[in-house]
Amino acid sequence: MISTVGKRHDRQPPIAPGLEILDWADIPALVDLEEILFPGDSPWTWQMFAGELEAGHFYVVHRDQDGAIDGYAGLAITGDEAEVHTIGVRPAAQGAGLGRKLLRQLISAAGDRRMLLEVRTDNDAAIGLYASEGFTRVGIRRRYYQPSGADAYTMARPK
């Protein structure tokens, strides 16, 4: 059992209304959402999310009116760069701007750092969202997602 709450950044950005910092108790709900959102690839496990919190990475969640998590996003900050590790929105909540809200929270947390992310080449909605927030394609990673073998674009947002 992990006994710490994880490291937190000294300069944590203000959290947008409706979002909360991820808590250890929320991890099982994220694991369930991962299985719904990424069935053809390797969904994140409890251990993976716990490792992210233990490392002090920045994670936020959004809850629906019943208190269930319907969206989440995570970011790792290292020096001059920030890497989006994940953004997920429950299918029933997609198309209402929650993904944009989560992404903008990560952009705020990144501050003036260059941001990077990977996105499936066939995920037109996510690619469009990222492009509308200033990300551009800078490369491709062949067979990045496993076990499906789907390719990913690497996208970057300058400082």
N, C-alpha and C. Protein backbone atom coordinates (compact mmCIF):
# COMPACT_ATOMS: atom_id res chain seq x y z
N MET A 1 0.84 -1.19 0.00
CA MET A 1 0.00 0.00 0.00
C MET A 1 0.87 1.25 0.00
N ILE A 2 0.54 2.17 -0.83
CA ILE A 2 1.29 3.43 -0.90
C ILE A 2 0.77 4.36 0.18
N SER A 3 1.67 4.88 0.99
CA SER A 3 1.23 5.66 2.14
C SER A 3 1.30 7.16 1.93
N THR A 4 1.93 7.60 0.85
CA THR A 4 2.03 9.04 0.63
C THR A 4 0.95 9.49 -0.35
N VAL A 5 0.72 10.78 -0.37
CA VAL A 5 -0.25 11.34 -1.28
C VAL A 5 0.39 11.67 -2.61
N GLY A 6 1.67 11.50 -2.72
CA GLY A 6 2.36 11.86 -3.95
C GLY A 6 2.92 13.26 -3.83
N LYS A 7 3.90 13.55 -4.63
CA LYS A 7 4.53 14.87 -4.61
C LYS A 7 3.64 15.84 -5.37
N ARG A 8 3.60 17.04 -4.93
CA ARG A 8 2.83 18.08 -5.62
C ARG A 8 3.78 19.17 -6.08
N HIS A 9 3.48 19.78 -7.19
CA HIS A 9 4.30 20.86 -7.69
C HIS A 9 4.14 22.07 -6.78
N ASP A 10 5.24 22.81 -6.60
CA ASP A 10 5.21 23.98 -5.73
C ASP A 10 4.24 25.03 -6.23
N ARG A 11 4.16 25.16 -7.54
CA ARG A 11 3.31 26.20 -8.13
C ARG A 11 2.14 25.55 -8.86
N GLN A 12 1.23 24.96 -8.12
CA GLN A 12 0.08 24.33 -8.74
C GLN A 12 -0.86 25.42 -9.27
N PRO A 13 -1.31 25.28 -10.51
CA PRO A 13 -2.17 26.32 -11.08
C PRO A 13 -3.55 26.30 -10.43
N PRO A 14 -4.28 27.40 -10.57
CA PRO A 14 -5.66 27.37 -10.11
C PRO A 14 -6.42 26.28 -10.88
N ILE A 15 -7.32 25.62 -10.21
CA ILE A 15 -8.11 24.56 -10.83
C ILE A 15 -9.41 25.16 -11.34
N ALA A 16 -9.74 24.86 -12.59
CA ALA A 16 -10.96 25.40 -13.21
C ALA A 16 -12.20 24.91 -12.46
N PRO A 17 -13.24 25.72 -12.42
CA PRO A 17 -14.48 25.29 -11.77
C PRO A 17 -14.98 23.97 -12.36
N GLY A 18 -15.40 23.08 -11.49
CA GLY A 18 -15.91 21.78 -11.94
C GLY A 18 -14.85 20.70 -12.02
N LEU A 19 -13.59 21.08 -11.89
CA LEU A 19 -12.51 20.10 -11.90
C LEU A 19 -11.95 19.95 -10.49
N GLU A 20 -11.36 18.78 -10.23
CA GLU A 20 -10.74 18.51 -8.94
C GLU A 20 -9.42 17.79 -9.20
N ILE A 21 -8.51 17.92 -8.25
CA ILE A 21 -7.26 17.16 -8.30
C ILE A 21 -7.61 15.68 -8.07
N LEU A 22 -6.99 14.80 -8.86
CA LEU A 22 -7.21 13.36 -8.71
C LEU A 22 -6.79 12.90 -7.33
N ASP A 23 -7.63 12.09 -6.72
CA ASP A 23 -7.36 11.50 -5.41
C ASP A 23 -7.12 10.00 -5.59
N TRP A 24 -6.33 9.43 -4.71
CA TRP A 24 -6.06 7.99 -4.78
C TRP A 24 -7.35 7.17 -4.87
N ALA A 25 -8.39 7.59 -4.15
CA ALA A 25 -9.65 6.85 -4.13
C ALA A 25 -10.35 6.87 -5.49
N ASP A 26 -9.96 7.78 -6.37
CA ASP A 26 -10.56 7.89 -7.70
C ASP A 26 -9.97 6.91 -8.71
N ILE A 27 -8.85 6.32 -8.40
CA ILE A 27 -8.15 5.49 -9.38
C ILE A 27 -9.02 4.34 -9.91
N PRO A 28 -9.76 3.59 -9.09
CA PRO A 28 -10.58 2.52 -9.67
C PRO A 28 -11.57 3.01 -10.73
N ALA A 29 -12.13 4.19 -10.54
CA ALA A 29 -13.06 4.75 -11.54
C ALA A 29 -12.33 5.06 -12.84
N LEU A 30 -11.09 5.55 -12.74
CA LEU A 30 -10.31 5.82 -13.95
C LEU A 30 -9.96 4.54 -14.69
N VAL A 31 -9.63 3.49 -13.94
CA VAL A 31 -9.33 2.20 -14.55
C VAL A 31 -10.56 1.69 -15.31
N ASP A 32 -11.74 1.82 -14.70
CA ASP A 32 -12.97 1.41 -15.38
C ASP A 32 -13.20 2.21 -16.66
N LEU A 33 -12.98 3.53 -16.60
CA LEU A 33 -13.14 4.37 -17.79
C LEU A 33 -12.13 4.00 -18.87
N GLU A 34 -10.91 3.71 -18.49
CA GLU A 34 -9.89 3.30 -19.46
C GLU A 34 -10.35 2.07 -20.24
N GLU A 35 -10.95 1.12 -19.56
CA GLU A 35 -11.41 -0.11 -20.22
C GLU A 35 -12.53 0.18 -21.21
N ILE A 36 -13.35 1.18 -20.91
CA ILE A 36 -14.42 1.59 -21.83
C ILE A 36 -13.84 2.34 -23.02
N LEU A 37 -12.90 3.25 -22.76
CA LEU A 37 -12.39 4.15 -23.79
C LEU A 37 -11.34 3.52 -24.71
N PHE A 38 -10.59 2.57 -24.19
CA PHE A 38 -9.46 2.03 -24.96
C PHE A 38 -9.48 0.50 -24.98
N PRO A 39 -10.57 -0.09 -25.45
CA PRO A 39 -10.69 -1.56 -25.39
C PRO A 39 -9.75 -2.31 -26.33
N GLY A 40 -9.33 -1.71 -27.43
CA GLY A 40 -8.48 -2.40 -28.38
C GLY A 40 -7.00 -2.27 -28.09
N ASP A 41 -6.67 -1.50 -27.07
CA ASP A 41 -5.29 -1.29 -26.70
C ASP A 41 -5.12 -1.64 -25.23
N SER A 42 -4.01 -1.28 -24.65
CA SER A 42 -3.73 -1.63 -23.26
C SER A 42 -4.20 -0.50 -22.35
N PRO A 43 -5.40 -0.63 -21.77
CA PRO A 43 -5.88 0.42 -20.86
C PRO A 43 -4.95 0.53 -19.65
N TRP A 44 -4.87 1.72 -19.10
CA TRP A 44 -4.04 1.93 -17.92
C TRP A 44 -4.58 1.14 -16.75
N THR A 45 -3.68 0.67 -15.90
CA THR A 45 -4.02 -0.11 -14.71
C THR A 45 -3.96 0.77 -13.47
N TRP A 46 -4.41 0.21 -12.36
CA TRP A 46 -4.33 0.91 -11.08
C TRP A 46 -2.88 1.28 -10.80
N GLN A 47 -1.98 0.36 -11.04
CA GLN A 47 -0.57 0.59 -10.76
C GLN A 47 -0.01 1.74 -11.61
N MET A 48 -0.46 1.85 -12.83
CA MET A 48 0.03 2.92 -13.70
C MET A 48 -0.43 4.29 -13.19
N PHE A 49 -1.71 4.40 -12.83
CA PHE A 49 -2.20 5.67 -12.29
C PHE A 49 -1.54 5.98 -10.95
N ALA A 50 -1.35 4.96 -10.11
CA ALA A 50 -0.69 5.17 -8.82
C ALA A 50 0.73 5.67 -9.04
N GLY A 51 1.41 5.12 -10.02
CA GLY A 51 2.76 5.57 -10.33
C GLY A 51 2.79 7.03 -10.76
N GLU A 52 1.77 7.45 -11.51
CA GLU A 52 1.68 8.84 -11.93
C GLU A 52 1.51 9.77 -10.73
N LEU A 53 0.64 9.38 -9.80
CA LEU A 53 0.45 10.21 -8.60
C LEU A 53 1.70 10.21 -7.73
N GLU A 54 2.30 9.04 -7.56
CA GLU A 54 3.51 8.93 -6.75
C GLU A 54 4.63 9.80 -7.31
N ALA A 55 4.70 9.90 -8.63
CA ALA A 55 5.73 10.72 -9.29
C ALA A 55 5.42 12.21 -9.18
N GLY A 56 4.23 12.56 -8.72
CA GLY A 56 3.86 13.96 -8.56
C GLY A 56 3.32 14.61 -9.82
N HIS A 57 2.92 13.80 -10.80
CA HIS A 57 2.36 14.36 -12.02
C HIS A 57 1.00 15.00 -11.73
N PHE A 58 0.61 15.93 -12.58
CA PHE A 58 -0.60 16.73 -12.39
C PHE A 58 -1.80 16.03 -13.04
N TYR A 59 -2.80 15.66 -12.24
CA TYR A 59 -4.00 14.99 -12.74
C TYR A 59 -5.24 15.66 -12.18
N VAL A 60 -6.23 15.84 -13.06
CA VAL A 60 -7.52 16.38 -12.64
C VAL A 60 -8.64 15.47 -13.13
N VAL A 61 -9.77 15.57 -12.44
CA VAL A 61 -10.97 14.82 -12.82
C VAL A 61 -12.16 15.76 -12.86
N HIS A 62 -13.18 15.34 -13.59
CA HIS A 62 -14.47 16.03 -13.63
C HIS A 62 -15.52 15.01 -13.23
N ARG A 63 -16.49 15.44 -12.45
CA ARG A 63 -17.57 14.56 -12.01
C ARG A 63 -18.91 15.01 -12.60
N ASP A 64 -19.76 14.05 -12.90
CA ASP A 64 -21.10 14.39 -13.36
C ASP A 64 -21.96 14.80 -12.18
N GLN A 65 -23.24 15.10 -12.42
CA GLN A 65 -24.12 15.58 -11.36
C GLN A 65 -24.34 14.55 -10.26
N ASP A 66 -24.06 13.28 -10.54
CA ASP A 66 -24.20 12.23 -9.52
C ASP A 66 -22.89 11.94 -8.79
N GLY A 67 -21.83 12.65 -9.15
CA GLY A 67 -20.54 12.46 -8.50
C GLY A 67 -19.63 11.44 -9.16
N ALA A 68 -20.09 10.82 -10.25
CA ALA A 68 -19.25 9.84 -10.95
C ALA A 68 -18.27 10.57 -11.86
N ILE A 69 -17.06 10.06 -11.95
CA ILE A 69 -16.05 10.68 -12.82
C ILE A 69 -16.43 10.43 -14.28
N ASP A 70 -16.52 11.52 -15.03
CA ASP A 70 -16.82 11.38 -16.46
C ASP A 70 -15.72 11.95 -17.34
N GLY A 71 -14.64 12.44 -16.72
CA GLY A 71 -13.50 12.91 -17.48
C GLY A 71 -12.28 13.05 -16.61
N TYR A 72 -11.11 12.89 -17.22
CA TYR A 72 -9.86 13.00 -16.48
C TYR A 72 -8.75 13.39 -17.43
N ALA A 73 -7.68 13.96 -16.88
CA ALA A 73 -6.54 14.37 -17.69
C ALA A 73 -5.30 14.41 -16.82
N GLY A 74 -4.15 14.09 -17.44
CA GLY A 74 -2.90 14.09 -16.69
C GLY A 74 -1.75 14.63 -17.49
N LEU A 75 -0.80 15.22 -16.78
CA LEU A 75 0.32 15.93 -17.38
C LEU A 75 1.57 15.69 -16.54
N ALA A 76 2.68 15.43 -17.22
CA ALA A 76 3.99 15.36 -16.56
C ALA A 76 4.78 16.60 -16.95
N ILE A 77 5.37 17.24 -15.97
CA ILE A 77 6.17 18.43 -16.21
C ILE A 77 7.62 18.12 -15.89
N THR A 78 8.48 18.32 -16.89
CA THR A 78 9.91 18.10 -16.69
C THR A 78 10.68 19.24 -17.33
N GLY A 79 11.27 20.06 -16.51
CA GLY A 79 12.06 21.18 -17.02
C GLY A 79 11.25 22.12 -17.89
N ASP A 80 11.70 22.27 -19.15
CA ASP A 80 11.08 23.21 -20.08
C ASP A 80 9.91 22.61 -20.85
N GLU A 81 9.59 21.34 -20.60
CA GLU A 81 8.52 20.68 -21.35
C GLU A 81 7.49 20.07 -20.43
N ALA A 82 6.31 19.88 -21.00
CA ALA A 82 5.22 19.20 -20.32
C ALA A 82 4.62 18.20 -21.31
N GLU A 83 4.37 17.01 -20.84
CA GLU A 83 3.83 15.97 -21.71
C GLU A 83 2.45 15.54 -21.23
N VAL A 84 1.47 15.65 -22.13
CA VAL A 84 0.12 15.17 -21.82
C VAL A 84 0.20 13.65 -21.79
N HIS A 85 -0.12 13.08 -20.65
CA HIS A 85 -0.08 11.62 -20.54
C HIS A 85 -1.41 10.99 -20.90
N THR A 86 -2.49 11.67 -20.60
CA THR A 86 -3.80 11.11 -20.92
C THR A 86 -4.89 12.17 -20.80
N ILE A 87 -5.90 12.01 -21.63
CA ILE A 87 -7.17 12.74 -21.49
C ILE A 87 -8.23 11.72 -21.87
N GLY A 88 -9.24 11.59 -21.03
CA GLY A 88 -10.32 10.66 -21.33
C GLY A 88 -11.65 11.25 -20.90
N VAL A 89 -12.67 11.05 -21.74
CA VAL A 89 -14.02 11.53 -21.43
C VAL A 89 -14.99 10.39 -21.71
N ARG A 90 -15.82 10.10 -20.72
CA ARG A 90 -16.84 9.04 -20.86
C ARG A 90 -17.65 9.31 -22.13
N PRO A 91 -17.95 8.28 -22.93
CA PRO A 91 -18.67 8.49 -24.20
C PRO A 91 -19.94 9.34 -24.07
N ALA A 92 -20.72 9.13 -23.02
CA ALA A 92 -21.96 9.90 -22.86
C ALA A 92 -21.71 11.39 -22.63
N ALA A 93 -20.49 11.74 -22.21
CA ALA A 93 -20.15 13.14 -21.93
C ALA A 93 -19.36 13.78 -23.06
N GLN A 94 -19.05 13.03 -24.09
CA GLN A 94 -18.26 13.57 -25.20
C GLN A 94 -19.09 14.54 -26.04
N GLY A 95 -18.42 15.50 -26.64
CA GLY A 95 -19.09 16.44 -27.54
C GLY A 95 -19.68 17.66 -26.86
N ALA A 96 -19.48 17.77 -25.54
CA ALA A 96 -20.06 18.90 -24.80
C ALA A 96 -19.01 19.87 -24.28
N GLY A 97 -17.75 19.71 -24.72
CA GLY A 97 -16.71 20.64 -24.33
C GLY A 97 -15.87 20.21 -23.13
N LEU A 98 -16.13 19.03 -22.57
CA LEU A 98 -15.36 18.59 -21.41
C LEU A 98 -13.91 18.30 -21.77
N GLY A 99 -13.66 17.69 -22.91
CA GLY A 99 -12.29 17.44 -23.34
C GLY A 99 -11.50 18.73 -23.47
N ARG A 100 -12.13 19.76 -24.02
CA ARG A 100 -11.47 21.07 -24.16
C ARG A 100 -11.18 21.66 -22.78
N LYS A 101 -12.13 21.55 -21.87
CA LYS A 101 -11.92 22.08 -20.52
C LYS A 101 -10.75 21.39 -19.85
N LEU A 102 -10.68 20.07 -19.98
CA LEU A 102 -9.58 19.31 -19.39
C LEU A 102 -8.25 19.71 -20.04
N LEU A 103 -8.23 19.82 -21.37
CA LEU A 103 -7.01 20.21 -22.06
C LEU A 103 -6.57 21.60 -21.64
N ARG A 104 -7.48 22.53 -21.55
CA ARG A 104 -7.12 23.89 -21.15
C ARG A 104 -6.56 23.91 -19.73
N GLN A 105 -7.05 23.03 -18.86
CA GLN A 105 -6.49 22.95 -17.51
C GLN A 105 -5.03 22.47 -17.58
N LEU A 106 -4.76 21.50 -18.46
CA LEU A 106 -3.38 21.03 -18.62
C LEU A 106 -2.49 22.13 -19.19
N ILE A 107 -3.02 22.89 -20.15
CA ILE A 107 -2.26 24.01 -20.73
C ILE A 107 -1.93 25.02 -19.64
N SER A 108 -2.89 25.31 -18.77
CA SER A 108 -2.65 26.22 -17.65
C SER A 108 -1.56 25.67 -16.73
N ALA A 109 -1.63 24.38 -16.44
CA ALA A 109 -0.63 23.77 -15.56
C ALA A 109 0.76 23.78 -16.18
N ALA A 110 0.83 23.67 -17.50
CA ALA A 110 2.12 23.67 -18.20
C ALA A 110 2.79 25.04 -18.19
N GLY A 111 1.99 26.08 -18.02
CA GLY A 111 2.55 27.42 -18.01
C GLY A 111 3.20 27.77 -19.34
N ASP A 112 4.44 28.25 -19.30
CA ASP A 112 5.11 28.67 -20.53
C ASP A 112 5.98 27.57 -21.12
N ARG A 113 5.73 26.34 -20.75
CA ARG A 113 6.51 25.21 -21.29
C ARG A 113 5.95 24.73 -22.62
N ARG A 114 6.83 24.18 -23.44
CA ARG A 114 6.41 23.48 -24.65
C ARG A 114 5.65 22.22 -24.20
N MET A 115 4.56 21.91 -24.90
CA MET A 115 3.76 20.73 -24.57
C MET A 115 3.84 19.72 -25.70
N LEU A 116 3.86 18.45 -25.33
CA LEU A 116 3.88 17.35 -26.28
C LEU A 116 2.77 16.36 -25.94
N LEU A 117 2.32 15.63 -26.95
CA LEU A 117 1.35 14.56 -26.72
C LEU A 117 1.38 13.59 -27.89
N GLU A 118 0.83 12.41 -27.67
CA GLU A 118 0.58 11.44 -28.74
C GLU A 118 -0.92 11.24 -28.86
N VAL A 119 -1.38 11.07 -30.10
CA VAL A 119 -2.79 10.85 -30.36
C VAL A 119 -2.92 9.88 -31.53
N ARG A 120 -3.88 8.97 -31.43
CA ARG A 120 -4.09 8.02 -32.53
C ARG A 120 -4.36 8.77 -33.82
N THR A 121 -3.77 8.30 -34.90
CA THR A 121 -3.94 8.97 -36.19
C THR A 121 -5.37 8.90 -36.70
N ASP A 122 -6.18 7.99 -36.16
CA ASP A 122 -7.57 7.87 -36.59
C ASP A 122 -8.55 8.56 -35.65
N ASN A 123 -8.04 9.31 -34.67
CA ASN A 123 -8.91 10.01 -33.72
C ASN A 123 -9.09 11.45 -34.17
N ASP A 124 -9.93 11.63 -35.18
CA ASP A 124 -10.13 12.96 -35.79
C ASP A 124 -10.63 13.99 -34.80
N ALA A 125 -11.52 13.60 -33.88
CA ALA A 125 -12.06 14.56 -32.92
C ALA A 125 -10.94 15.10 -32.01
N ALA A 126 -10.10 14.22 -31.50
CA ALA A 126 -9.02 14.65 -30.62
C ALA A 126 -7.99 15.48 -31.40
N ILE A 127 -7.66 15.06 -32.60
CA ILE A 127 -6.70 15.82 -33.42
C ILE A 127 -7.22 17.23 -33.66
N GLY A 128 -8.50 17.34 -33.98
CA GLY A 128 -9.11 18.65 -34.19
C GLY A 128 -9.08 19.50 -32.94
N LEU A 129 -9.37 18.90 -31.79
CA LEU A 129 -9.32 19.63 -30.53
C LEU A 129 -7.92 20.14 -30.28
N TYR A 130 -6.93 19.27 -30.39
CA TYR A 130 -5.56 19.69 -30.12
C TYR A 130 -5.12 20.79 -31.09
N ALA A 131 -5.44 20.64 -32.36
CA ALA A 131 -5.07 21.66 -33.34
C ALA A 131 -5.72 23.00 -33.01
N SER A 132 -6.97 22.98 -32.56
CA SER A 132 -7.67 24.23 -32.24
C SER A 132 -7.08 24.92 -31.01
N GLU A 133 -6.30 24.18 -30.23
CA GLU A 133 -5.65 24.76 -29.04
C GLU A 133 -4.16 24.99 -29.25
N GLY A 134 -3.73 24.99 -30.53
CA GLY A 134 -2.37 25.40 -30.85
C GLY A 134 -1.36 24.28 -31.04
N PHE A 135 -1.80 23.03 -31.01
CA PHE A 135 -0.88 21.91 -31.23
C PHE A 135 -0.75 21.66 -32.73
N THR A 136 0.46 21.30 -33.15
CA THR A 136 0.71 20.92 -34.54
C THR A 136 1.40 19.57 -34.57
N ARG A 137 1.20 18.85 -35.67
CA ARG A 137 1.85 17.54 -35.83
C ARG A 137 3.33 17.74 -36.08
N VAL A 138 4.15 16.99 -35.35
CA VAL A 138 5.60 17.10 -35.52
C VAL A 138 6.22 15.74 -35.85
N GLY A 139 5.43 14.69 -35.83
CA GLY A 139 5.99 13.37 -36.14
C GLY A 139 4.93 12.30 -36.08
N ILE A 140 5.34 11.09 -36.37
CA ILE A 140 4.45 9.94 -36.31
C ILE A 140 5.18 8.79 -35.64
N ARG A 141 4.48 8.06 -34.82
CA ARG A 141 5.04 6.88 -34.17
C ARG A 141 4.27 5.67 -34.68
N ARG A 142 4.95 4.89 -35.49
CA ARG A 142 4.33 3.70 -36.08
C ARG A 142 4.10 2.64 -35.01
N ARG A 143 2.89 2.04 -35.05
CA ARG A 143 2.51 0.94 -34.15
C ARG A 143 2.68 1.32 -32.68
N TYR A 144 2.42 2.57 -32.35
CA TYR A 144 2.61 3.10 -30.99
C TYR A 144 1.66 2.45 -29.98
N TYR A 145 0.41 2.30 -30.38
CA TYR A 145 -0.58 1.73 -29.46
C TYR A 145 -0.59 0.21 -29.59
N GLN A 146 -0.54 -0.45 -28.44
CA GLN A 146 -0.52 -1.91 -28.43
C GLN A 146 -1.66 -2.43 -27.57
N PRO A 147 -2.25 -3.54 -27.91
CA PRO A 147 -1.81 -4.46 -28.94
C PRO A 147 -2.37 -4.19 -30.33
N SER A 148 -3.15 -3.12 -30.51
CA SER A 148 -3.80 -2.89 -31.81
C SER A 148 -2.80 -2.58 -32.92
N GLY A 149 -1.67 -1.99 -32.57
CA GLY A 149 -0.70 -1.58 -33.58
C GLY A 149 -1.04 -0.27 -34.25
N ALA A 150 -1.99 0.48 -33.70
CA ALA A 150 -2.37 1.77 -34.29
C ALA A 150 -1.22 2.76 -34.20
N ASP A 151 -1.11 3.60 -35.23
CA ASP A 151 -0.11 4.65 -35.26
C ASP A 151 -0.56 5.84 -34.42
N ALA A 152 0.41 6.65 -34.02
CA ALA A 152 0.12 7.88 -33.28
C ALA A 152 0.86 9.04 -33.91
N TYR A 153 0.19 10.20 -33.92
CA TYR A 153 0.89 11.43 -34.25
C TYR A 153 1.50 11.96 -32.96
N THR A 154 2.69 12.51 -33.05
CA THR A 154 3.23 13.33 -31.98
C THR A 154 2.86 14.75 -32.33
N MET A 155 2.26 15.45 -31.37
CA MET A 155 1.87 16.83 -31.58
C MET A 155 2.54 17.69 -30.51
N ALA A 156 2.83 18.93 -30.88
CA ALA A 156 3.50 19.84 -29.96
C ALA A 156 2.80 21.19 -29.96
N ARG A 157 2.88 21.84 -28.83
CA ARG A 157 2.38 23.20 -28.67
C ARG A 157 3.56 24.02 -28.15
N PRO A 158 3.97 25.03 -28.92
CA PRO A 158 5.16 25.80 -28.49
C PRO A 158 4.92 26.57 -27.22
N LYS A 159 6.01 27.03 -26.64
CA LYS A 159 5.93 27.84 -25.42
C LYS A 159 5.07 29.05 -25.63
